[in-house]
Amino acid sequence: MIKFLTIKSLIIIFIIGFKLFSGVAFAHPPSTINAAFDQDTKILTVQALHNVPNPTGDHYIQEIKIKLNGKDMVLQYFLTQSSSGVQEAQYLFIDAKSGDTIEVYALCNKFGDKTITLNID
């Protein structure tokens, strides 16, 4: 009887563990971040490449954070992704100038993140 309860307990623990961690197994960080700054319009365009089957579902780019010369400038949260392959956003940086450094960070709501640095020419 005790041996049966132990095996049954192990099976239940395994099933619960599988359910809890199965979402993380299919999660992944953004594969690439593309960022471009237009000096004339002062607009930063960001594309976080992140392939998901259902961008309005439960797996998407949740956050984009941007720093200008190490200073926090933008923190934007998302509830969905703009398409199944990419999260896109644009930001106005009126104070950005040649020689500045922009850091772009993107976070998946399930697992992983990516950061890139862009030097303004």
N, C-alpha and C. Protein backbone atom coordinates (compact mmCIF):
# COMPACT_ATOMS: atom_id res chain seq x y z
N MET A 1 0.83 -1.20 0.00
CA MET A 1 0.00 0.00 0.00
C MET A 1 0.87 1.26 0.00
N ILE A 2 1.92 1.29 0.83
CA ILE A 2 2.80 2.46 0.90
C ILE A 2 3.54 2.63 -0.42
N LYS A 3 3.99 1.51 -1.02
CA LYS A 3 4.71 1.58 -2.30
C LYS A 3 3.79 2.16 -3.38
N PHE A 4 2.53 1.77 -3.38
CA PHE A 4 1.57 2.29 -4.36
C PHE A 4 1.37 3.80 -4.19
N LEU A 5 1.25 4.27 -2.96
CA LEU A 5 1.08 5.69 -2.69
C LEU A 5 2.32 6.49 -3.13
N THR A 6 3.48 5.93 -2.94
CA THR A 6 4.70 6.61 -3.33
C THR A 6 4.77 6.74 -4.85
N ILE A 7 4.48 5.71 -5.59
CA ILE A 7 4.49 5.76 -7.05
C ILE A 7 3.42 6.73 -7.55
N LYS A 8 2.24 6.66 -6.95
CA LYS A 8 1.16 7.58 -7.33
C LYS A 8 1.57 9.03 -7.04
N SER A 9 2.21 9.27 -5.90
CA SER A 9 2.66 10.62 -5.56
C SER A 9 3.70 11.11 -6.55
N LEU A 10 4.63 10.26 -6.95
CA LEU A 10 5.65 10.64 -7.92
C LEU A 10 5.03 10.99 -9.27
N ILE A 11 4.05 10.23 -9.68
CA ILE A 11 3.37 10.50 -10.96
C ILE A 11 2.65 11.85 -10.90
N ILE A 12 1.98 12.12 -9.82
CA ILE A 12 1.27 13.40 -9.66
C ILE A 12 2.26 14.56 -9.67
N ILE A 13 3.37 14.42 -8.95
CA ILE A 13 4.40 15.47 -8.93
C ILE A 13 4.96 15.69 -10.33
N PHE A 14 5.21 14.61 -11.06
CA PHE A 14 5.73 14.71 -12.42
C PHE A 14 4.74 15.46 -13.33
N ILE A 15 3.47 15.13 -13.25
CA ILE A 15 2.46 15.78 -14.08
C ILE A 15 2.36 17.27 -13.75
N ILE A 16 2.35 17.60 -12.48
CA ILE A 16 2.28 19.01 -12.07
C ILE A 16 3.53 19.76 -12.56
N GLY A 17 4.69 19.17 -12.39
CA GLY A 17 5.93 19.79 -12.85
C GLY A 17 5.94 19.99 -14.36
N PHE A 18 5.46 19.00 -15.10
CA PHE A 18 5.40 19.11 -16.56
C PHE A 18 4.50 20.26 -16.98
N LYS A 19 3.36 20.38 -16.35
CA LYS A 19 2.42 21.46 -16.68
C LYS A 19 3.02 22.83 -16.36
N LEU A 20 3.70 22.93 -15.23
CA LEU A 20 4.28 24.21 -14.83
C LEU A 20 5.40 24.66 -15.76
N PHE A 21 6.22 23.73 -16.21
CA PHE A 21 7.41 24.10 -16.98
C PHE A 21 7.27 23.91 -18.48
N SER A 22 6.15 23.38 -18.95
CA SER A 22 5.99 23.18 -20.39
C SER A 22 5.90 24.50 -21.14
N GLY A 23 5.32 25.54 -20.54
CA GLY A 23 5.25 26.85 -21.18
C GLY A 23 6.62 27.45 -21.39
N VAL A 24 7.53 27.27 -20.45
CA VAL A 24 8.89 27.79 -20.57
C VAL A 24 9.65 27.04 -21.65
N ALA A 25 9.38 25.77 -21.83
CA ALA A 25 10.10 24.99 -22.84
C ALA A 25 9.84 25.52 -24.24
N PHE A 26 8.68 26.06 -24.50
CA PHE A 26 8.34 26.58 -25.83
C PHE A 26 8.59 28.08 -25.94
N ALA A 27 8.99 28.70 -24.87
CA ALA A 27 9.26 30.14 -24.87
C ALA A 27 10.69 30.39 -25.36
N HIS A 28 10.91 31.60 -25.85
CA HIS A 28 12.22 31.96 -26.36
C HIS A 28 12.37 33.48 -26.38
N PRO A 29 13.60 33.95 -26.28
CA PRO A 29 13.81 35.40 -26.34
C PRO A 29 13.67 35.91 -27.77
N PRO A 30 13.64 37.21 -27.97
CA PRO A 30 13.64 37.75 -29.32
C PRO A 30 14.90 37.26 -30.04
N SER A 31 14.77 36.86 -31.30
CA SER A 31 15.93 36.36 -32.03
C SER A 31 16.86 37.50 -32.43
N THR A 32 16.30 38.64 -32.77
CA THR A 32 17.07 39.79 -33.22
C THR A 32 16.31 41.06 -32.87
N ILE A 33 17.05 42.13 -32.64
CA ILE A 33 16.44 43.45 -32.53
C ILE A 33 17.05 44.32 -33.61
N ASN A 34 16.21 44.88 -34.45
CA ASN A 34 16.65 45.85 -35.45
C ASN A 34 16.23 47.22 -34.95
N ALA A 35 17.15 48.17 -34.99
CA ALA A 35 16.84 49.53 -34.58
C ALA A 35 17.51 50.50 -35.54
N ALA A 36 16.78 51.55 -35.90
CA ALA A 36 17.31 52.57 -36.79
C ALA A 36 16.85 53.94 -36.30
N PHE A 37 17.77 54.88 -36.30
CA PHE A 37 17.45 56.25 -35.88
C PHE A 37 17.56 57.17 -37.08
N ASP A 38 16.50 57.92 -37.34
CA ASP A 38 16.48 58.88 -38.44
C ASP A 38 16.83 60.26 -37.87
N GLN A 39 17.97 60.79 -38.28
CA GLN A 39 18.44 62.09 -37.77
C GLN A 39 17.50 63.23 -38.14
N ASP A 40 16.88 63.16 -39.32
CA ASP A 40 16.01 64.24 -39.76
C ASP A 40 14.72 64.32 -38.95
N THR A 41 14.08 63.17 -38.74
CA THR A 41 12.80 63.16 -38.03
C THR A 41 12.96 62.93 -36.52
N LYS A 42 14.15 62.49 -36.11
CA LYS A 42 14.45 62.17 -34.71
C LYS A 42 13.62 60.98 -34.20
N ILE A 43 13.26 60.09 -35.12
CA ILE A 43 12.44 58.92 -34.77
C ILE A 43 13.30 57.67 -34.74
N LEU A 44 13.19 56.93 -33.63
CA LEU A 44 13.83 55.63 -33.48
C LEU A 44 12.80 54.56 -33.81
N THR A 45 13.12 53.71 -34.78
CA THR A 45 12.25 52.60 -35.15
C THR A 45 12.86 51.31 -34.61
N VAL A 46 12.05 50.54 -33.88
CA VAL A 46 12.51 49.30 -33.26
C VAL A 46 11.68 48.13 -33.78
N GLN A 47 12.35 47.06 -34.14
CA GLN A 47 11.69 45.80 -34.51
C GLN A 47 12.35 44.68 -33.71
N ALA A 48 11.58 44.06 -32.84
CA ALA A 48 12.05 42.90 -32.08
C ALA A 48 11.50 41.66 -32.76
N LEU A 49 12.37 40.91 -33.45
CA LEU A 49 11.94 39.70 -34.16
C LEU A 49 11.69 38.59 -33.15
N HIS A 50 10.47 38.04 -33.20
CA HIS A 50 10.05 37.06 -32.19
C HIS A 50 8.90 36.26 -32.78
N ASN A 51 9.22 35.10 -33.35
CA ASN A 51 8.19 34.28 -34.00
C ASN A 51 7.35 33.54 -32.98
N VAL A 52 6.05 33.78 -33.04
CA VAL A 52 5.09 33.12 -32.15
C VAL A 52 3.88 32.69 -32.97
N PRO A 53 3.22 31.61 -32.59
CA PRO A 53 2.06 31.15 -33.38
C PRO A 53 0.83 32.05 -33.27
N ASN A 54 0.65 32.69 -32.12
CA ASN A 54 -0.53 33.50 -31.92
C ASN A 54 -0.13 34.79 -31.19
N PRO A 55 0.14 35.87 -31.94
CA PRO A 55 0.66 37.09 -31.30
C PRO A 55 -0.32 37.78 -30.35
N THR A 56 -1.60 37.47 -30.44
CA THR A 56 -2.56 38.05 -29.50
C THR A 56 -2.89 37.07 -28.37
N GLY A 57 -2.14 35.98 -28.33
CA GLY A 57 -2.36 34.96 -27.30
C GLY A 57 -1.52 35.19 -26.06
N ASP A 58 -0.84 34.13 -25.63
CA ASP A 58 -0.14 34.21 -24.36
C ASP A 58 1.38 34.22 -24.50
N HIS A 59 1.91 34.48 -25.70
CA HIS A 59 3.36 34.50 -25.91
C HIS A 59 3.68 35.68 -26.83
N TYR A 60 4.41 36.67 -26.31
CA TYR A 60 4.63 37.90 -27.05
C TYR A 60 5.78 38.69 -26.43
N ILE A 61 6.23 39.73 -27.11
CA ILE A 61 7.19 40.67 -26.53
C ILE A 61 6.41 41.54 -25.56
N GLN A 62 6.78 41.46 -24.32
CA GLN A 62 6.04 42.14 -23.24
C GLN A 62 6.57 43.54 -22.96
N GLU A 63 7.85 43.76 -23.20
CA GLU A 63 8.44 45.02 -22.77
C GLU A 63 9.55 45.47 -23.71
N ILE A 64 9.58 46.74 -24.00
CA ILE A 64 10.72 47.37 -24.67
C ILE A 64 11.19 48.51 -23.79
N LYS A 65 12.50 48.51 -23.53
CA LYS A 65 13.11 49.55 -22.70
C LYS A 65 14.23 50.20 -23.52
N ILE A 66 14.30 51.52 -23.48
CA ILE A 66 15.31 52.23 -24.26
C ILE A 66 16.06 53.20 -23.36
N LYS A 67 17.39 53.20 -23.52
CA LYS A 67 18.26 54.12 -22.80
C LYS A 67 18.98 54.99 -23.83
N LEU A 68 19.16 56.24 -23.49
CA LEU A 68 19.94 57.17 -24.30
C LEU A 68 21.15 57.58 -23.46
N ASN A 69 22.34 57.20 -23.94
CA ASN A 69 23.59 57.48 -23.21
C ASN A 69 23.53 56.97 -21.77
N GLY A 70 22.94 55.78 -21.58
CA GLY A 70 22.87 55.16 -20.27
C GLY A 70 21.72 55.61 -19.39
N LYS A 71 20.96 56.60 -19.85
CA LYS A 71 19.84 57.12 -19.05
C LYS A 71 18.53 56.51 -19.53
N ASP A 72 17.72 55.98 -18.59
CA ASP A 72 16.42 55.42 -18.94
C ASP A 72 15.54 56.48 -19.59
N MET A 73 15.02 56.17 -20.79
CA MET A 73 14.19 57.13 -21.51
C MET A 73 12.78 56.59 -21.77
N VAL A 74 12.67 55.31 -22.12
CA VAL A 74 11.37 54.72 -22.47
C VAL A 74 11.24 53.37 -21.81
N LEU A 75 10.07 53.11 -21.26
CA LEU A 75 9.70 51.79 -20.78
C LEU A 75 8.26 51.57 -21.24
N GLN A 76 8.10 50.68 -22.21
CA GLN A 76 6.76 50.42 -22.75
C GLN A 76 6.41 48.95 -22.57
N TYR A 77 5.20 48.72 -22.04
CA TYR A 77 4.68 47.37 -21.86
C TYR A 77 3.65 47.09 -22.94
N PHE A 78 3.60 45.82 -23.37
CA PHE A 78 2.65 45.38 -24.39
C PHE A 78 1.82 44.22 -23.84
N LEU A 79 0.59 44.12 -24.31
CA LEU A 79 -0.28 43.00 -23.95
C LEU A 79 -0.41 42.00 -25.08
N THR A 80 0.00 42.42 -26.28
CA THR A 80 0.01 41.55 -27.45
C THR A 80 1.21 41.96 -28.31
N GLN A 81 1.45 41.18 -29.35
CA GLN A 81 2.54 41.49 -30.28
C GLN A 81 1.93 41.95 -31.59
N SER A 82 2.58 42.90 -32.28
CA SER A 82 1.99 43.51 -33.47
C SER A 82 1.80 42.53 -34.63
N SER A 83 2.59 41.47 -34.71
CA SER A 83 2.38 40.42 -35.71
C SER A 83 3.00 39.12 -35.19
N SER A 84 2.82 38.04 -35.92
CA SER A 84 3.35 36.75 -35.46
C SER A 84 4.87 36.68 -35.54
N GLY A 85 5.50 37.61 -36.24
CA GLY A 85 6.95 37.56 -36.38
C GLY A 85 7.72 38.69 -35.72
N VAL A 86 7.02 39.78 -35.39
CA VAL A 86 7.76 40.95 -34.91
C VAL A 86 6.91 41.86 -34.03
N GLN A 87 7.57 42.48 -33.06
CA GLN A 87 6.96 43.55 -32.28
C GLN A 87 7.61 44.84 -32.78
N GLU A 88 6.81 45.77 -33.25
CA GLU A 88 7.33 47.02 -33.80
C GLU A 88 6.90 48.20 -32.94
N ALA A 89 7.78 49.21 -32.89
CA ALA A 89 7.46 50.43 -32.15
C ALA A 89 8.33 51.56 -32.68
N GLN A 90 7.83 52.79 -32.51
CA GLN A 90 8.58 53.98 -32.90
C GLN A 90 8.54 54.98 -31.75
N TYR A 91 9.67 55.67 -31.58
CA TYR A 91 9.79 56.62 -30.49
C TYR A 91 10.46 57.90 -30.98
N LEU A 92 10.02 59.03 -30.47
CA LEU A 92 10.59 60.32 -30.81
C LEU A 92 11.65 60.69 -29.78
N PHE A 93 12.86 60.95 -30.25
CA PHE A 93 13.98 61.34 -29.39
C PHE A 93 14.51 62.69 -29.87
N ILE A 94 13.92 63.76 -29.40
CA ILE A 94 14.29 65.09 -29.89
C ILE A 94 15.68 65.52 -29.43
N ASP A 95 16.18 64.95 -28.34
CA ASP A 95 17.49 65.33 -27.82
C ASP A 95 18.63 64.47 -28.34
N ALA A 96 18.34 63.41 -29.10
CA ALA A 96 19.40 62.54 -29.59
C ALA A 96 20.19 63.24 -30.68
N LYS A 97 21.51 63.03 -30.64
CA LYS A 97 22.37 63.69 -31.62
C LYS A 97 23.52 62.76 -32.01
N SER A 98 24.25 63.15 -33.02
CA SER A 98 25.39 62.38 -33.49
C SER A 98 26.37 62.15 -32.34
N GLY A 99 26.85 60.91 -32.22
CA GLY A 99 27.76 60.54 -31.15
C GLY A 99 27.08 59.90 -29.95
N ASP A 100 25.76 60.01 -29.87
CA ASP A 100 25.02 59.39 -28.76
C ASP A 100 24.90 57.88 -28.94
N THR A 101 24.63 57.20 -27.84
CA THR A 101 24.44 55.76 -27.84
C THR A 101 23.03 55.44 -27.36
N ILE A 102 22.34 54.60 -28.13
CA ILE A 102 21.00 54.15 -27.76
C ILE A 102 21.06 52.65 -27.47
N GLU A 103 20.53 52.26 -26.31
CA GLU A 103 20.45 50.85 -25.95
C GLU A 103 18.99 50.43 -25.99
N VAL A 104 18.71 49.33 -26.72
CA VAL A 104 17.34 48.82 -26.86
C VAL A 104 17.28 47.43 -26.25
N TYR A 105 16.32 47.24 -25.36
CA TYR A 105 16.11 45.98 -24.63
C TYR A 105 14.70 45.49 -24.92
N ALA A 106 14.56 44.20 -25.25
CA ALA A 106 13.24 43.60 -25.46
C ALA A 106 13.13 42.34 -24.61
N LEU A 107 11.96 42.15 -24.00
CA LEU A 107 11.71 41.04 -23.09
C LEU A 107 10.51 40.23 -23.54
N CYS A 108 10.68 38.92 -23.64
CA CYS A 108 9.57 38.00 -23.91
C CYS A 108 8.80 37.81 -22.61
N ASN A 109 7.47 37.72 -22.70
CA ASN A 109 6.67 37.57 -21.48
C ASN A 109 6.84 36.21 -20.82
N LYS A 110 7.37 35.22 -21.55
CA LYS A 110 7.55 33.89 -20.98
C LYS A 110 8.99 33.61 -20.57
N PHE A 111 9.93 33.91 -21.46
CA PHE A 111 11.32 33.59 -21.15
C PHE A 111 12.27 34.31 -22.11
N GLY A 112 13.24 34.97 -21.57
CA GLY A 112 14.34 35.50 -22.35
C GLY A 112 14.23 36.95 -22.75
N ASP A 113 15.39 37.53 -22.99
CA ASP A 113 15.46 38.92 -23.40
C ASP A 113 16.66 39.12 -24.32
N LYS A 114 16.74 40.29 -24.90
CA LYS A 114 17.85 40.62 -25.78
C LYS A 114 18.08 42.12 -25.71
N THR A 115 19.35 42.54 -25.82
CA THR A 115 19.72 43.94 -25.81
C THR A 115 20.68 44.22 -26.95
N ILE A 116 20.49 45.36 -27.61
CA ILE A 116 21.43 45.81 -28.63
C ILE A 116 21.82 47.26 -28.33
N THR A 117 22.93 47.68 -28.90
CA THR A 117 23.39 49.05 -28.76
C THR A 117 23.53 49.65 -30.15
N LEU A 118 23.02 50.86 -30.29
CA LEU A 118 23.05 51.58 -31.57
C LEU A 118 23.79 52.89 -31.35
N ASN A 119 24.82 53.12 -32.17
CA ASN A 119 25.55 54.39 -32.11
C ASN A 119 25.03 55.30 -33.20
N ILE A 120 24.66 56.52 -32.82
CA ILE A 120 24.13 57.47 -33.78
C ILE A 120 25.30 58.16 -34.49
N ASP A 121 25.27 58.10 -35.81
CA ASP A 121 26.33 58.73 -36.62
C ASP A 121 25.96 60.15 -36.96
